[in-house]
């Protein structure tokens, strides 16, 4: 009997040690809720002392209009309510500080452990388990917070701005961004045309001045070369329908009075290319931002090239064209002098050309201001879309993470 008693005691002692070691692993200090005393901590502090005096000493009962028993019930009821709030506050503070709240005790976990589902578990194991269970997609941390550097670089991948989806289904911010971009791109194309036309007019004015000098100095070869180049550019610009070269048409009309010039102009008209080099293909630009995307539209604008270079190439093309010969009589030169210098045609053309360019310069300046303003609006809408995307990514990530944990 004594033998079994010792064995039994040893077994129970060992089991107790094992159970104690298992249950206490990771558990640290425990703090018990300190219950307040109704008389010291509640009466006269949280409630009028007269109620307590009546309830406990049968005093001041007339003052509160209650009998001792009723006063006692009231005081006990109010104390229980207040006590519940104190206990709840204790529990909230416990959980907020990483503890485990049960009944009226706050159990804290040792360093390296954390509270989960009412137990202290290894923080390392929990972190590894969380990483294995959930890996966020995109520029997000494991806590579903945006990685600023990565997000700043790639946020448009997740936005509705460049997404190939119907315009009507995009976010409000993306719609406003694209609508503003579309207006801005149209003005950029218009500004390109104006800048190119200004340069063409400038170079035609220089060419006309050269023609005038050759005519005054009676240099047959130079005046004819200049005249044919002007005629080539004039016919090309008029044909483009851009509103260019119209003033210079007077030069050709009056110059045709000279027989050689009249015949030569017919030759020039016959060799002008059918497709104007000034025609701008806006099929991928104007009105297409909403459908093809911002990047495609802006690349199309860039592909238009350098407006000044295009104007220069047009003038150069005249020098390389198979223009008529320099065979002209002195009589015909005199006719040209009368028509173009004496009658003031050249000076009139230059004045009109300069006036047209002044209008273009003013319009270009206005367009540049409007484009800058639109760019500011685009930046504002893009920032709002970026913030929307950030919130959306973090929210979606957290929802996925919660589902993976559940």
Protein backbone atom coordinates (compact mmCIF):
# COMPACT_ATOMS: atom_id res chain seq x y z
CA UNK A 1 0.00 0.00 0.00
CA UNK A 2 2.82 2.40 0.95
CA UNK A 3 4.76 1.40 -2.23
CA UNK A 4 1.84 2.36 -4.48
CA UNK A 5 1.30 5.55 -2.58
CA UNK A 6 4.90 6.71 -3.21
CA UNK A 7 4.74 5.75 -6.87
CA UNK A 8 1.45 7.47 -7.30
CA UNK A 9 2.77 10.60 -5.61
CA UNK A 10 5.87 10.66 -7.82
CA UNK A 11 3.78 10.27 -10.98
CA UNK A 12 1.44 13.05 -9.99
CA UNK A 13 4.36 15.27 -9.01
CA UNK A 14 6.08 14.68 -12.38
CA UNK A 15 2.86 15.27 -14.26
CA UNK A 16 2.30 18.47 -12.34
CA UNK A 17 5.77 19.70 -13.25
CA UNK A 18 5.24 18.88 -16.94
CA UNK A 19 1.86 20.55 -17.03
CA UNK A 20 3.14 23.57 -15.18
CA UNK A 21 6.11 23.93 -17.52
CA UNK A 22 3.94 23.63 -20.64
CA UNK A 23 1.24 25.96 -19.49
CA UNK A 24 3.62 28.61 -18.19
CA UNK A 25 5.97 28.73 -21.19
CA UNK A 26 5.94 32.21 -22.67
CA UNK A 27 3.73 33.59 -19.91
CA UNK A 28 5.00 36.54 -17.90
CA UNK A 29 3.58 38.73 -15.20
CA UNK A 30 -0.14 38.61 -14.42
CA UNK A 31 -2.05 41.54 -12.95
CA UNK A 32 -5.35 41.10 -11.19
CA UNK A 33 -8.05 43.73 -11.27
CA UNK A 34 -8.16 45.63 -7.99
CA UNK A 35 -11.78 45.72 -6.94
CA UNK A 36 -12.76 49.12 -5.52
CA UNK A 37 -14.48 49.49 -2.17
CA UNK A 38 -18.05 50.73 -2.45
CA UNK A 39 -17.77 53.01 0.56
CA UNK A 40 -14.25 54.36 0.01
CA UNK A 41 -14.08 54.57 -3.79
CA UNK A 42 -17.69 55.00 -4.88
CA UNK A 43 -19.73 56.79 -2.25
CA UNK A 44 -19.21 60.52 -2.26
CA UNK A 45 -16.98 60.21 -5.35
CA UNK A 46 -19.14 58.66 -8.04
CA UNK A 47 -22.50 59.16 -6.31
CA UNK A 48 -24.03 61.66 -3.88
CA UNK A 49 -22.90 60.65 -0.36
CA UNK A 50 -26.47 61.09 0.94
CA UNK A 51 -27.61 57.95 -0.89
CA UNK A 52 -24.87 55.92 0.81
CA UNK A 53 -25.60 57.47 4.21
CA UNK A 54 -29.25 56.47 3.84
CA UNK A 55 -28.41 52.97 2.52
CA UNK A 56 -25.82 52.12 5.15
CA UNK A 57 -26.67 54.32 8.15
CA UNK A 58 -30.31 55.33 7.62
CA UNK A 59 -29.25 58.98 7.51
CA UNK A 60 -30.33 61.71 5.02
CA UNK A 61 -33.16 59.45 3.80
CA UNK A 62 -35.64 62.31 3.98
CA UNK A 63 -33.29 64.47 1.93
CA UNK A 64 -33.26 62.00 -0.96
CA UNK A 65 -36.85 60.85 -0.52
CA UNK A 66 -36.02 57.14 -0.17
CA UNK A 67 -36.17 54.56 2.55
CA UNK A 68 -33.04 52.70 3.66
CA UNK A 69 -33.81 49.54 1.64
CA UNK A 70 -34.64 51.39 -1.56
CA UNK A 71 -31.56 53.55 -1.16
CA UNK A 72 -29.41 50.45 -0.69
CA UNK A 73 -30.81 48.84 -3.86
CA UNK A 74 -30.12 52.03 -5.82
CA UNK A 75 -26.56 52.39 -4.51
CA UNK A 76 -25.75 48.72 -5.22
CA UNK A 77 -27.20 48.97 -8.74
CA UNK A 78 -25.21 52.11 -9.56
CA UNK A 79 -22.07 50.60 -8.07
CA UNK A 80 -22.43 47.46 -10.21
CA UNK A 81 -22.76 49.59 -13.36
CA UNK A 82 -19.70 51.64 -12.46
CA UNK A 83 -17.74 48.54 -11.52
CA UNK A 84 -18.52 46.95 -14.90
CA UNK A 85 -17.15 50.01 -16.66
CA UNK A 86 -13.99 49.93 -14.55
CA UNK A 87 -13.45 46.26 -15.29
CA UNK A 88 -14.06 46.79 -19.01
CA UNK A 89 -11.55 49.65 -19.03
CA UNK A 90 -9.02 47.43 -17.27
CA UNK A 91 -9.56 44.75 -19.93
CA UNK A 92 -9.20 47.21 -22.80
CA UNK A 93 -5.94 48.54 -21.41
CA UNK A 94 -4.71 45.00 -20.92
CA UNK A 95 -5.35 44.02 -24.56
CA UNK A 96 -3.97 47.33 -25.83
CA UNK A 97 -0.70 46.59 -24.04
CA UNK A 98 -0.46 43.12 -25.56
CA UNK A 99 -1.94 41.21 -22.64
CA UNK A 100 -4.61 38.50 -22.39
CA UNK A 101 -7.69 39.52 -20.43
CA UNK A 102 -9.73 36.81 -18.73
CA UNK A 103 -12.45 37.54 -16.19
CA UNK A 104 -10.61 39.98 -13.90
CA UNK A 105 -6.97 39.20 -14.69
CA UNK A 106 -4.49 40.51 -17.27
CA UNK A 107 -1.89 37.98 -18.30
CA UNK A 108 1.19 39.39 -20.09
CA UNK A 109 3.52 37.38 -22.31
CA UNK A 110 7.27 37.04 -21.92
CA UNK A 111 9.66 38.77 -24.31
CA UNK A 112 9.64 36.97 -27.66
CA UNK A 113 6.02 35.94 -27.25
CA UNK A 114 2.77 37.60 -28.18
CA UNK A 115 -0.89 37.20 -27.31
CA UNK A 116 -3.05 35.34 -29.79
CA UNK A 117 -6.45 33.70 -29.29
CA UNK A 118 -6.10 33.83 -25.49
CA UNK A 119 -2.61 32.29 -25.38
CA UNK A 120 1.02 33.41 -25.47
CA UNK A 121 2.66 32.12 -28.66
CA UNK A 122 6.16 32.46 -30.08
CA UNK A 123 6.49 35.72 -32.02
CA UNK A 124 9.02 34.12 -34.38
CA UNK A 125 6.73 31.19 -35.14
CA UNK A 126 3.78 33.51 -35.62
CA UNK A 127 5.74 35.78 -37.97
CA UNK A 128 6.90 32.82 -40.03
CA UNK A 129 3.39 31.39 -40.15
CA UNK A 130 1.98 34.75 -41.25
CA UNK A 131 4.59 35.09 -43.99
CA UNK A 132 3.88 31.57 -45.20
CA UNK A 133 0.15 32.12 -45.14
CA UNK A 134 0.00 35.54 -46.78
CA UNK A 135 2.31 37.31 -49.22
CA UNK A 136 0.85 40.59 -50.53
CA UNK A 137 0.89 41.29 -54.24
CA UNK A 138 2.22 44.62 -55.42
CA UNK A 139 4.15 47.43 -53.67
CA UNK A 140 2.96 46.43 -50.19
CA UNK A 141 4.53 45.25 -46.95
CA UNK A 142 3.34 42.17 -45.07
CA UNK A 143 1.28 44.58 -42.94
CA UNK A 144 -0.48 45.84 -46.08
CA UNK A 145 1.24 49.22 -46.00
CA UNK A 146 2.43 50.88 -49.21
CA UNK A 147 6.17 50.79 -49.98
CA UNK A 148 6.65 54.48 -50.96
CA UNK A 149 9.59 54.16 -53.38
CA UNK A 150 8.17 51.17 -55.24
CA UNK A 151 4.68 52.66 -55.32
CA UNK A 152 5.89 56.03 -56.63
CA UNK A 153 7.55 54.24 -59.54
CA UNK A 154 4.81 51.76 -60.44
CA UNK A 155 1.51 53.23 -59.20
CA UNK A 156 0.12 53.84 -62.69
CA UNK A 157 0.24 50.08 -63.33
CA UNK A 158 -2.56 49.78 -60.79
CA UNK A 159 -4.51 52.90 -61.79
CA UNK A 160 -7.34 53.40 -64.28
CA UNK A 161 -5.36 55.98 -66.26
CA UNK A 162 -3.44 53.60 -68.51
CA UNK A 163 -5.65 50.57 -67.98
CA UNK A 164 -7.19 49.28 -71.20
CA UNK A 165 -10.78 49.36 -69.99
CA UNK A 166 -13.81 51.28 -71.28
CA UNK A 167 -13.64 54.95 -70.38
CA UNK A 168 -17.04 54.83 -68.66
CA UNK A 169 -15.81 52.16 -66.22
CA UNK A 170 -12.78 54.09 -65.01
CA UNK A 171 -12.55 55.97 -61.73
CA UNK A 172 -13.76 59.55 -61.55
CA UNK A 173 -10.19 60.76 -60.99
CA UNK A 174 -8.91 58.84 -64.03
CA UNK A 175 -11.72 60.18 -66.21
CA UNK A 176 -10.87 63.74 -65.23
CA UNK A 177 -7.17 63.10 -65.87
CA UNK A 178 -7.78 61.72 -69.36
CA UNK A 179 -10.31 64.40 -70.29
CA UNK A 180 -7.83 67.11 -69.29
CA UNK A 181 -5.02 65.33 -71.14
CA UNK A 182 -7.17 65.18 -74.29
CA UNK A 183 -7.71 68.94 -74.24
CA UNK A 184 -4.02 69.50 -73.58
CA UNK A 185 -2.89 67.22 -76.44
CA UNK A 186 -5.16 69.02 -78.91
CA UNK A 187 -3.59 72.34 -77.88
CA UNK A 188 -0.10 70.83 -78.16
CA UNK A 189 -0.80 69.83 -81.77
CA UNK A 190 -2.13 73.31 -82.50
CA UNK A 191 0.96 74.89 -80.91
CA UNK A 192 3.19 72.62 -83.01
CA UNK A 193 1.50 73.82 -86.21
CA UNK A 194 1.83 77.46 -85.18
CA UNK A 195 5.51 77.14 -84.31
CA UNK A 196 6.20 75.42 -87.62
CA UNK A 197 4.22 78.02 -89.59
CA UNK A 198 6.01 80.90 -87.87
CA UNK A 199 9.35 79.46 -88.97
CA UNK A 200 8.13 78.90 -92.54
CA UNK A 201 6.95 82.52 -92.73
CA UNK A 202 10.30 83.73 -91.36
CA UNK A 203 12.25 81.76 -93.94
CA UNK A 204 9.93 82.84 -96.77
CA UNK A 205 10.44 86.47 -95.74
CA UNK A 206 14.21 85.93 -95.90
CA UNK A 207 13.84 84.30 -99.31
CA UNK A 208 11.72 87.22 -100.52
CA UNK A 209 14.32 89.71 -99.31
CA UNK A 210 16.97 87.79 -101.27
CA UNK A 211 14.75 87.89 -104.38
CA UNK A 212 14.24 91.64 -103.94
CA UNK A 213 17.98 92.27 -103.63
CA UNK A 214 18.73 90.20 -106.74
CA UNK A 215 16.00 92.02 -108.66
CA UNK A 216 17.34 95.45 -107.66
CA UNK A 217 20.89 94.43 -108.55
CA UNK A 218 19.74 92.86 -111.82
CA UNK A 219 21.34 89.49 -110.95
CA UNK A 220 19.40 87.23 -113.30
CA UNK A 221 20.46 83.83 -111.92
CA UNK A 222 19.94 84.72 -108.26
CA UNK A 223 16.56 86.38 -108.74
CA UNK A 224 15.20 83.44 -110.73
CA UNK A 225 16.44 80.85 -108.25
CA UNK A 226 14.90 82.81 -105.40
CA UNK A 227 11.66 83.29 -107.31
CA UNK A 228 11.32 79.59 -108.20
CA UNK A 229 12.03 78.57 -104.61
CA UNK A 230 9.37 80.99 -103.41
CA UNK A 231 6.90 79.66 -105.95
CA UNK A 232 7.62 76.08 -104.88
CA UNK A 233 7.10 76.86 -101.20
CA UNK A 234 4.04 79.03 -101.93
CA UNK A 235 2.27 76.34 -103.97
CA UNK A 236 3.17 73.73 -101.35
CA UNK A 237 1.89 75.77 -98.42
CA UNK A 238 -1.29 76.90 -100.19
CA UNK A 239 -1.99 73.31 -101.17
CA UNK A 240 -1.63 72.21 -97.53
CA UNK A 241 -4.64 74.32 -96.57
CA UNK A 242 -2.80 75.62 -93.49
CA UNK A 243 -3.40 79.32 -94.29
CA UNK A 244 0.24 79.76 -95.26
CA UNK A 245 1.61 81.33 -98.43
CA UNK A 246 -1.56 83.21 -99.32
CA UNK A 247 0.18 86.60 -99.24
CA UNK A 248 2.92 85.25 -101.52
CA UNK A 249 0.36 84.28 -104.15
CA UNK A 250 0.36 87.96 -105.16
CA UNK A 251 4.01 87.56 -106.13
CA UNK A 252 3.22 84.69 -108.47
CA UNK A 253 0.11 86.31 -109.94
CA UNK A 254 1.84 89.57 -110.79
CA UNK A 255 5.04 87.81 -111.85
CA UNK A 256 3.16 85.78 -114.44
CA UNK A 257 3.02 88.92 -116.57
CA UNK A 258 6.53 87.99 -117.68
CA UNK A 259 6.24 85.25 -120.31
CA UNK A 260 9.11 83.10 -119.00
CA UNK A 261 7.79 83.37 -115.44
CA UNK A 262 4.25 82.46 -116.49
CA UNK A 263 5.46 79.36 -118.32
CA UNK A 264 7.76 78.41 -115.44
CA UNK A 265 4.97 78.64 -112.89
CA UNK A 266 3.00 76.04 -114.80
CA UNK A 267 6.02 73.74 -114.61
CA UNK A 268 6.34 74.32 -110.87
CA UNK A 269 2.65 73.61 -110.31
CA UNK A 270 3.00 70.39 -112.22
CA UNK A 271 5.82 69.01 -110.08
CA UNK A 272 4.41 69.87 -106.64
CA UNK A 273 3.86 66.54 -104.74
CA UNK A 274 0.23 65.53 -104.33
CA UNK A 275 0.61 64.90 -100.61
CA UNK A 276 1.64 67.98 -98.69
CA UNK A 277 4.58 67.56 -96.34
CA UNK A 278 2.80 69.95 -93.98
CA UNK A 279 -0.17 67.69 -93.45
CA UNK A 280 -0.27 66.40 -89.87
CA UNK A 281 -1.60 62.92 -89.20
CA UNK A 282 -3.73 63.41 -86.10
CA UNK A 283 -5.44 60.02 -86.33
CA UNK A 284 -3.48 58.82 -83.28
CA UNK A 285 -3.64 62.10 -81.40
CA UNK A 286 -6.74 64.28 -81.48
CA UNK A 287 -9.69 62.87 -79.58
CA UNK A 288 -7.91 59.57 -78.93
CA UNK A 289 -6.47 59.97 -75.44
CA UNK A 290 -9.47 58.30 -73.80
CA UNK A 291 -9.24 55.26 -76.07
CA UNK A 292 -5.53 54.76 -76.76
CA UNK A 293 -4.15 56.04 -73.46
CA UNK A 294 -2.01 58.96 -72.39
CA UNK A 295 1.38 57.48 -73.30
CA UNK A 296 0.35 56.59 -76.85
CA UNK A 297 -1.09 60.06 -77.45
CA UNK A 298 1.96 61.87 -76.05
CA UNK A 299 4.28 59.66 -78.10
CA UNK A 300 2.24 60.57 -81.18
CA UNK A 301 2.75 64.26 -80.39
CA UNK A 302 6.49 63.68 -80.00
CA UNK A 303 6.56 61.83 -83.32
CA UNK A 304 5.45 65.02 -85.08
CA UNK A 305 9.06 66.10 -84.77
CA UNK A 306 10.78 69.46 -84.45
CA UNK A 307 8.57 72.18 -86.00
CA UNK A 308 11.56 74.40 -86.85
CA UNK A 309 13.39 71.51 -88.49
CA UNK A 310 10.31 70.60 -90.53
CA UNK A 311 10.01 74.20 -91.76
CA UNK A 312 13.69 74.25 -92.71
CA UNK A 313 13.36 70.96 -94.59
CA UNK A 314 10.47 72.41 -96.59
CA UNK A 315 12.61 75.34 -97.72
CA UNK A 316 15.49 72.97 -98.52
CA UNK A 317 13.18 70.81 -100.63
CA UNK A 318 12.64 73.79 -102.93
CA UNK A 319 16.39 74.05 -103.55
CA UNK A 320 16.50 70.37 -104.55
CA UNK A 321 13.38 70.44 -106.73
CA UNK A 322 13.68 70.23 -110.58
CA UNK A 323 12.78 73.90 -111.04
CA UNK A 324 12.82 75.82 -114.38
CA UNK A 325 16.05 77.24 -115.84
CA UNK A 326 17.36 80.76 -115.34
CA UNK A 327 16.59 81.86 -118.92
CA UNK A 328 14.95 85.29 -118.72
CA UNK A 329 15.25 88.47 -120.81
CA UNK A 330 16.07 91.95 -119.55
CA UNK A 331 12.63 93.05 -120.65
CA UNK A 332 11.06 90.43 -118.38
CA UNK A 333 13.30 91.51 -115.50
CA UNK A 334 12.06 95.06 -115.96
CA UNK A 335 8.48 93.80 -115.85
CA UNK A 336 9.20 92.03 -112.55
CA UNK A 337 10.80 95.20 -111.13
CA UNK A 338 7.74 97.22 -112.05
CA UNK A 339 5.28 94.65 -110.72
CA UNK A 340 7.12 93.72 -107.53
CA UNK A 341 9.17 96.75 -106.50
CA UNK A 342 7.65 99.83 -108.08
CA UNK A 343 4.11 98.71 -107.33
CA UNK A 344 5.10 97.77 -103.75
CA UNK A 345 4.04 94.11 -103.99
CA UNK A 346 7.11 92.79 -102.16
CA UNK A 347 6.83 95.31 -99.30
CA UNK A 348 3.11 94.56 -99.00
CA UNK A 349 3.75 90.80 -98.87
CA UNK A 350 6.42 91.20 -96.18
CA UNK A 351 4.12 93.43 -94.10
CA UNK A 352 1.24 90.95 -94.38
CA UNK A 353 3.54 88.03 -93.61
CA UNK A 354 4.90 89.76 -90.50
CA UNK A 355 1.37 90.65 -89.37
CA UNK A 356 0.29 87.02 -89.79
CA UNK A 357 3.29 85.87 -87.77
CA UNK A 358 2.53 88.37 -85.01
CA UNK A 359 -0.95 86.87 -84.71
CA UNK A 360 0.54 83.38 -84.63
CA UNK A 361 3.04 84.43 -81.94
CA UNK A 362 0.25 85.86 -79.79
CA UNK A 363 -1.86 82.73 -80.24
CA UNK A 364 1.15 80.51 -79.48
CA UNK A 365 1.85 82.42 -76.26
CA UNK A 366 -1.78 81.95 -75.19
CA UNK A 367 -1.65 78.25 -76.03
CA UNK A 368 1.54 77.77 -74.03
CA UNK A 369 -0.12 79.34 -70.98
CA UNK A 370 -3.20 77.14 -71.44
CA UNK A 371 -1.04 74.03 -71.83
CA UNK A 372 0.85 74.86 -68.62
CA UNK A 373 -2.44 75.37 -66.77
CA UNK A 374 -3.79 72.09 -68.12
CA UNK A 375 -0.60 70.32 -67.05
CA UNK A 376 -1.14 71.66 -63.53
CA UNK A 377 -4.70 70.29 -63.60
CA UNK A 378 -3.43 66.95 -64.90
CA UNK A 379 -0.91 66.76 -62.05
CA UNK A 380 -3.65 67.48 -59.52
CA UNK A 381 -5.99 64.79 -60.90
CA UNK A 382 -3.11 62.30 -61.14
CA UNK A 383 -2.25 62.91 -57.48
CA UNK A 384 -5.88 62.29 -56.51
CA UNK A 385 -5.92 59.10 -58.60
CA UNK A 386 -2.63 58.04 -57.00
CA UNK A 387 -4.10 58.48 -53.51
CA UNK A 388 -7.21 56.52 -54.55
CA UNK A 389 -5.01 53.69 -55.83
CA UNK A 390 -2.99 53.70 -52.59
CA UNK A 391 -6.10 53.38 -50.43
CA UNK A 392 -7.56 50.74 -52.75
CA UNK A 393 -4.39 48.60 -52.69
CA UNK A 394 -4.04 48.77 -48.91
CA UNK A 395 -7.73 48.01 -48.36
CA UNK A 396 -7.77 45.08 -50.80
CA UNK A 397 -4.56 43.71 -49.29
CA UNK A 398 -5.98 43.87 -45.76
CA UNK A 399 -9.17 42.13 -46.86
CA UNK A 400 -7.19 39.32 -48.49
CA UNK A 401 -4.97 39.04 -45.43
CA UNK A 402 -7.98 38.81 -43.11
CA UNK A 403 -9.49 36.07 -45.25
CA UNK A 404 -6.22 34.12 -45.27
CA UNK A 405 -6.02 34.34 -41.47
CA UNK A 406 -9.64 33.30 -41.04
